[in-house]
Protein backbone atom coordinates (compact mmCIF):
# COMPACT_ATOMS: atom_id res chain seq x y z
CA MET A 1 -27.94 228.70 29.45
CA SER A 2 -24.54 227.87 27.99
CA PHE A 3 -21.92 229.68 25.92
CA LEU A 4 -20.62 228.60 22.51
CA ASP A 5 -17.41 230.69 22.95
CA PRO A 6 -16.91 230.74 26.74
CA VAL A 7 -13.26 231.84 26.43
CA ARG A 8 -14.51 235.28 25.46
CA LEU A 9 -15.95 235.67 28.94
CA LEU A 10 -12.38 236.26 30.11
CA LEU A 11 -12.90 239.82 28.89
CA LEU A 12 -15.09 240.30 31.95
CA LEU A 13 -11.90 240.29 34.01
CA GLY A 14 -11.32 243.81 32.71
CA LEU A 15 -14.37 245.10 34.57
CA PRO A 16 -12.77 244.94 38.06
CA VAL A 17 -9.84 246.91 36.63
CA LEU A 18 -12.20 249.62 35.43
CA VAL A 19 -13.93 249.68 38.82
CA ALA A 20 -10.58 250.10 40.56
CA ALA A 21 -9.61 252.93 38.18
CA TYR A 22 -12.91 254.69 38.84
CA VAL A 23 -12.43 254.48 42.61
CA VAL A 24 -8.90 255.90 42.33
CA MET A 25 -10.18 258.83 40.23
CA GLN A 26 -12.87 259.61 42.80
CA VAL A 27 -10.32 259.59 45.62
CA ARG A 28 -8.00 261.92 43.70
CA ARG A 29 -10.86 264.29 42.91
CA GLY A 30 -11.59 264.60 46.63
CA ARG A 31 -7.95 265.38 47.36
CA TYR A 32 -7.86 268.15 44.72
CA ALA A 33 -10.94 269.77 46.30
CA VAL A 34 -9.31 269.81 49.74
CA ARG A 35 -6.32 271.77 48.34
CA PHE A 36 -8.60 274.80 47.95
CA THR A 37 -7.86 276.45 51.32
CA ASN A 38 -10.90 278.74 51.55
CA LEU A 39 -13.45 276.03 52.25
CA ALA A 40 -16.24 278.52 53.06
CA LEU A 41 -15.87 280.17 49.67
CA LEU A 42 -15.59 276.76 47.97
CA ASP A 43 -18.88 275.74 49.51
CA LYS A 44 -20.58 278.82 48.04
CA VAL A 45 -19.16 278.71 44.50
CA ALA A 46 -19.18 274.96 44.00
CA PRO A 47 -22.38 273.52 42.51
CA ALA A 48 -24.57 271.27 44.60
CA LYS A 49 -23.23 267.74 44.69
CA PRO A 50 -25.35 265.26 42.72
CA GLY A 51 -24.72 262.64 45.40
CA TRP A 52 -25.30 259.04 44.43
CA ARG A 53 -26.51 260.04 40.96
CA ARG A 54 -22.98 260.90 39.85
CA HIS A 55 -22.06 257.22 40.13
CA LEU A 56 -25.00 255.94 38.09
CA PRO A 57 -23.49 256.58 34.62
CA ALA A 58 -20.31 254.71 35.58
CA ALA A 59 -22.25 251.78 37.04
CA ALA A 60 -24.54 251.64 34.02
CA PHE A 61 -21.53 251.83 31.67
CA LEU A 62 -19.91 248.84 33.41
CA LEU A 63 -23.16 246.89 33.24
CA MET A 64 -23.44 247.74 29.55
CA LEU A 65 -19.94 246.41 28.92
CA GLY A 66 -20.83 243.24 30.82
CA LEU A 67 -23.87 242.70 28.60
CA PHE A 68 -21.84 243.26 25.43
CA VAL A 69 -19.13 240.84 26.54
CA THR A 70 -21.75 238.23 27.49
CA GLY A 71 -23.33 238.59 24.06
CA PHE A 72 -19.88 238.36 22.44
CA ALA A 73 -19.43 234.95 24.13
CA ARG A 74 -22.45 233.67 22.11
CA PRO A 75 -24.88 232.57 24.83
CA ALA A 76 -27.29 229.79 23.86
CA ALA A 77 -30.43 228.38 25.46
CA ASP A 78 -32.39 225.15 25.03
CA VAL A 79 -35.43 225.73 22.84
CA ARG A 80 -38.22 223.26 22.04
CA VAL A 81 -38.87 223.12 18.30
CA PRO A 82 -41.39 220.92 16.47
CA ARG A 83 -40.17 217.69 14.90
CA GLU A 84 -40.91 217.40 11.22
CA GLN A 85 -41.57 213.67 11.33
CA ALA A 86 -41.51 210.62 13.60
CA THR A 87 -42.68 207.00 13.72
CA ILE A 88 -44.67 205.92 16.77
CA MET A 89 -46.02 202.47 17.60
CA LEU A 90 -48.78 202.18 20.16
CA ALA A 91 -48.48 198.77 21.85
CA VAL A 92 -51.73 198.01 23.69
CA ASP A 93 -52.15 195.20 26.20
CA VAL A 94 -55.38 193.32 25.41
CA SER A 95 -54.96 190.57 27.99
CA ALA A 96 -57.96 189.47 30.08
CA SER A 97 -56.84 191.59 33.05
CA MET A 98 -57.63 194.67 30.96
CA GLU A 99 -61.27 193.94 31.70
CA ALA A 100 -60.82 195.17 35.27
CA THR A 101 -63.14 198.06 36.08
CA ASP A 102 -60.88 199.98 38.48
CA VAL A 103 -60.47 202.40 35.55
CA ARG A 104 -63.91 203.32 34.22
CA PRO A 105 -65.60 201.85 32.28
CA ASN A 106 -62.75 199.32 32.21
CA ARG A 107 -59.02 199.43 31.58
CA LEU A 108 -59.19 198.55 27.90
CA GLU A 109 -61.98 200.97 27.01
CA ALA A 110 -60.24 203.78 28.91
CA ALA A 111 -57.00 203.02 27.06
CA LYS A 112 -58.79 202.99 23.69
CA ASP A 113 -60.38 206.34 24.46
CA ALA A 114 -57.02 207.80 25.47
CA ALA A 115 -55.41 206.43 22.29
CA ARG A 116 -57.97 208.30 20.20
CA THR A 117 -57.07 211.47 22.09
CA PHE A 118 -53.40 210.81 21.35
CA LEU A 119 -54.11 210.53 17.62
CA GLY A 120 -55.57 214.00 17.64
CA ARG A 121 -52.62 215.36 19.59
CA VAL A 122 -49.64 214.38 17.44
CA PRO A 123 -48.82 216.19 14.16
CA ASP A 124 -50.43 214.86 10.99
CA ARG A 125 -47.05 214.09 9.42
CA PHE A 126 -46.22 211.55 12.13
CA ASN A 127 -46.58 207.90 11.14
CA ILE A 128 -48.42 205.96 13.83
CA GLY A 129 -48.99 202.20 14.04
CA LEU A 130 -50.76 199.84 16.41
CA VAL A 131 -49.66 196.57 18.01
CA ALA A 132 -52.07 194.49 20.09
CA PHE A 133 -50.63 191.90 22.45
CA SER A 134 -52.00 189.30 24.83
CA GLY A 135 -50.40 185.82 24.73
CA THR A 136 -48.88 186.82 21.36
CA ALA A 137 -48.38 190.11 19.57
CA SER A 138 -49.57 191.23 16.15
CA VAL A 139 -49.31 194.43 14.14
CA ALA A 140 -52.87 195.66 13.74
CA VAL A 141 -51.81 198.73 11.72
CA PRO A 142 -48.30 199.33 10.31
CA PRO A 143 -46.95 202.91 10.60
CA THR A 144 -49.20 205.23 8.63
CA THR A 145 -50.55 208.77 8.52
CA ASP A 146 -54.05 207.37 7.94
CA ARG A 147 -55.73 208.34 11.20
CA GLN A 148 -59.03 206.76 10.25
CA ALA A 149 -57.37 203.36 9.81
CA MET A 150 -55.90 203.74 13.29
CA ARG A 151 -59.25 204.68 14.83
CA THR A 152 -60.93 201.70 13.22
CA ALA A 153 -58.23 199.34 14.52
CA ILE A 154 -58.42 200.82 18.02
CA ASP A 155 -62.19 200.37 18.06
CA GLY A 156 -61.71 196.71 17.08
CA LEU A 157 -59.32 195.72 19.89
CA ARG A 158 -60.53 192.60 21.71
CA LEU A 159 -59.38 190.79 24.85
CA GLY A 160 -57.27 187.61 24.79
CA PRO A 161 -55.55 185.28 27.30
CA ARG A 162 -52.17 185.90 28.96
CA THR A 163 -49.78 188.84 28.59
CA ALA A 164 -46.65 188.98 26.39
CA ILE A 165 -45.10 192.39 27.00
CA GLY A 166 -41.74 191.49 25.48
CA GLU A 167 -43.44 190.27 22.32
CA GLY A 168 -45.39 193.51 22.08
CA ILE A 169 -42.18 195.54 22.24
CA ILE A 170 -40.34 193.40 19.69
CA ALA A 171 -43.28 193.45 17.26
CA SER A 172 -43.36 197.26 17.55
CA LEU A 173 -39.61 197.53 16.95
CA ASP A 174 -39.84 195.29 13.89
CA ALA A 175 -42.64 197.45 12.48
CA ILE A 176 -40.58 200.61 13.00
CA ALA A 177 -37.49 199.01 11.44
CA GLY A 178 -39.44 197.73 8.43
CA PHE A 179 -41.01 201.13 7.86
CA GLY A 180 -37.72 202.99 8.32
CA ALA A 181 -35.85 200.74 5.89
CA GLN A 182 -37.38 202.59 2.95
CA PHE A 183 -35.79 205.83 4.16
CA GLY A 184 -32.28 204.46 4.73
CA GLU A 185 -30.13 206.73 6.89
CA ASP A 186 -32.83 209.43 6.74
CA ALA A 187 -35.37 207.30 8.62
CA PRO A 188 -37.47 209.38 11.03
CA PRO A 189 -36.94 208.85 14.78
CA GLY A 190 -38.99 206.07 16.37
CA ARG A 191 -40.77 205.64 19.67
CA VAL A 192 -42.85 202.89 21.27
CA VAL A 193 -45.64 203.81 23.65
CA LEU A 194 -46.69 200.72 25.58
CA LEU A 195 -49.84 200.43 27.71
CA SER A 196 -50.12 197.53 30.12
CA ASP A 197 -50.95 196.61 33.67
CA GLY A 198 -47.43 195.27 33.88
CA THR A 199 -47.40 191.53 34.62
CA ASN A 200 -45.71 189.47 31.90
CA THR A 201 -46.98 185.85 31.66
CA ALA A 202 -45.95 184.68 28.18
CA GLY A 203 -43.38 185.03 25.41
CA ARG A 204 -40.05 186.79 25.59
CA SER A 205 -39.37 188.89 28.68
CA PRO A 206 -39.71 192.67 28.94
CA GLU A 207 -35.95 192.75 29.64
CA GLU A 208 -35.31 191.19 26.24
CA GLY A 209 -37.59 193.78 24.68
CA ALA A 210 -35.71 196.58 26.43
CA ARG A 211 -32.37 195.26 25.13
CA ARG A 212 -33.74 195.18 21.59
CA ALA A 213 -35.03 198.73 22.01
CA VAL A 214 -31.63 199.99 23.15
CA GLN A 215 -29.96 198.31 20.17
CA ALA A 216 -32.49 199.90 17.81
CA ARG A 217 -32.19 203.28 19.58
CA VAL A 218 -35.96 203.40 20.02
CA PRO A 219 -37.08 204.46 23.52
CA VAL A 220 -40.08 202.70 25.03
CA SER A 221 -42.38 204.90 27.10
CA THR A 222 -44.69 202.89 29.34
CA ILE A 223 -48.02 203.66 30.93
CA ALA A 224 -49.07 201.63 33.95
CA TYR A 225 -52.81 201.86 34.18
CA GLY A 226 -55.02 200.40 36.82
CA THR A 227 -54.80 200.33 40.61
CA PRO A 228 -53.46 197.87 43.20
CA GLU A 229 -57.09 196.99 44.03
CA GLY A 230 -58.01 195.96 40.48
CA VAL A 231 -60.00 192.73 40.04
CA MET A 232 -61.57 190.90 37.12
CA ILE A 233 -64.52 188.52 37.12
CA GLN A 234 -63.79 185.04 35.78
CA GLY A 235 -66.13 182.09 36.21
CA GLY A 236 -68.18 184.08 38.70
CA ARG A 237 -65.14 184.67 40.90
CA GLU A 238 -63.19 187.85 41.58
CA ILE A 239 -59.53 187.48 40.63
CA PRO A 240 -57.10 190.18 41.80
CA VAL A 241 -55.19 191.85 38.94
CA PRO A 242 -53.13 194.60 40.61
CA VAL A 243 -51.16 196.92 38.36
CA ASP A 244 -47.40 196.23 38.33
CA GLY A 245 -46.02 199.75 38.00
CA PRO A 246 -42.43 198.95 39.07
CA ALA A 247 -42.03 196.44 36.22
CA LEU A 248 -43.13 198.98 33.63
CA GLU A 249 -40.98 201.66 35.21
CA ARG A 250 -37.90 199.42 34.92
CA LEU A 251 -38.77 198.74 31.29
CA ALA A 252 -38.94 202.45 30.51
CA GLN A 253 -35.72 203.20 32.34
CA ASP A 254 -33.82 200.33 30.71
CA SER A 255 -34.90 201.41 27.22
CA GLY A 256 -34.37 205.14 27.65
CA GLY A 257 -38.07 206.01 27.69
CA ARG A 258 -40.37 207.59 30.26
CA PHE A 259 -42.73 206.00 32.75
CA TYR A 260 -46.22 207.20 33.57
CA GLU A 261 -48.91 206.10 35.97
CA ALA A 262 -52.59 206.53 35.28
CA ALA A 263 -55.36 205.30 37.52
CA SER A 264 -58.31 206.77 35.63
CA GLY A 265 -59.47 207.57 32.14
CA ASP A 266 -58.89 211.31 32.63
CA GLU A 267 -55.32 210.72 33.78
CA LEU A 268 -54.68 208.46 30.80
CA ARG A 269 -55.75 211.21 28.41
CA GLY A 270 -53.41 213.65 30.15
CA VAL A 271 -50.53 211.17 29.95
CA TYR A 272 -51.08 210.68 26.23
CA GLU A 273 -51.07 214.43 25.66
CA ASP A 274 -47.78 214.68 27.57
CA ILE A 275 -46.23 211.92 25.46
CA GLY A 276 -47.52 213.51 22.28
CA SER A 277 -45.90 216.79 23.27
CA SER A 278 -42.54 215.19 24.08
CA ILE A 279 -42.52 213.24 20.82
CA GLY A 280 -43.71 216.18 18.79
CA TYR A 281 -40.87 218.43 19.87
CA ARG A 282 -37.12 218.20 20.16
CA THR A 283 -34.79 220.34 22.23
CA GLU A 284 -31.95 222.14 20.51
CA GLN A 285 -29.62 224.97 21.38
CA ARG A 286 -30.19 228.37 19.83
CA GLU A 287 -28.03 231.45 20.19
CA ILE A 288 -29.58 234.30 22.19
CA TRP A 289 -26.73 236.82 21.99
CA GLY A 290 -29.05 239.33 20.35
CA TRP A 291 -30.98 239.76 23.58
CA PHE A 292 -27.83 240.77 25.44
CA ILE A 293 -26.70 243.19 22.74
CA ALA A 294 -30.17 244.75 22.63
CA ALA A 295 -30.20 245.11 26.42
CA GLY A 296 -26.78 246.75 26.29
CA LEU A 297 -27.90 249.23 23.63
CA LEU A 298 -31.04 250.13 25.58
CA LEU A 299 -28.95 250.62 28.70
CA SER A 300 -26.53 252.91 26.82
CA CYS A 301 -29.48 255.05 25.70
CA ALA A 302 -30.72 255.21 29.29
CA VAL A 303 -27.27 256.26 30.48
CA ALA A 304 -27.10 259.04 27.90
CA ALA A 305 -30.58 260.31 28.76
CA GLY A 306 -29.86 260.30 32.50
CA SER A 307 -26.57 262.11 32.05
CA LEU A 308 -28.18 264.84 29.92
CA LEU A 309 -31.01 265.22 32.42
CA TRP A 310 -28.86 265.43 35.56
CA PHE A 311 -25.54 266.86 34.33
CA SER A 312 -26.46 268.53 31.00
CA ARG A 313 -23.75 266.54 29.24
CA LEU A 314 -23.10 263.11 27.81
CA PRO A 315 -20.98 260.73 29.90
């Protein structure tokens, strides 16, 4: 929580002064009682002392003032509100290593299944596109709200040789820029979600892609899927294809995105839902002073009721 007018909190410095004044009044009241010399008679005619209850109205009054002053300082809290629109490019690695079966039924099929889940997660007004990359990168679907076109393209993803992660990022950025050009300064925010097992073997480097992303102000969130024990079968031989999570984590950090790890199809679906939630909402500050004023008013009513009940008078 923060305050939009924190200087007003200086009014809270008056509360210790009120506390001191209350203590002085209680001390003086005790001295006046002692001046009555016939203490036996005083004990008989004086009403029973309310004890600790007599301090409750004063304590509640001070707390009420504190709530009012806090509300006067315009407290604000971070609130997640839905985005109206966004442009997202899914960049999917279709290199041969995606045939590894350490993620069932294999990495590519698990990723395709998770991508379909993602489509159902994000708001309908979001424009989503698809880039497939192996040794080169191509835009399979430019940003669109046509979910059926995206599903068809996802179903049609096929494996190819080598891995060009940097090319996949740059192709995604170009697609976002080309789509946003029609909106001018009102272009919706963009995001790239890149799925790969992390080892770049062709084209421009992931570092170059990250620099381009920073310049375009488009974060790249990465998902490292697979396990260190992953292998693919080529020419009857098992070839190790371990996931390179650290490389994808650096890419996400350098571009301002988020990094995720997923070693199974179920985890991939959960990761996609998390990304869809973060893209679908933005955090903004909203004033919550009303809660403090309402609490202060309720407390004042409680003080009045307690005073009438115990002392038959208002404080």
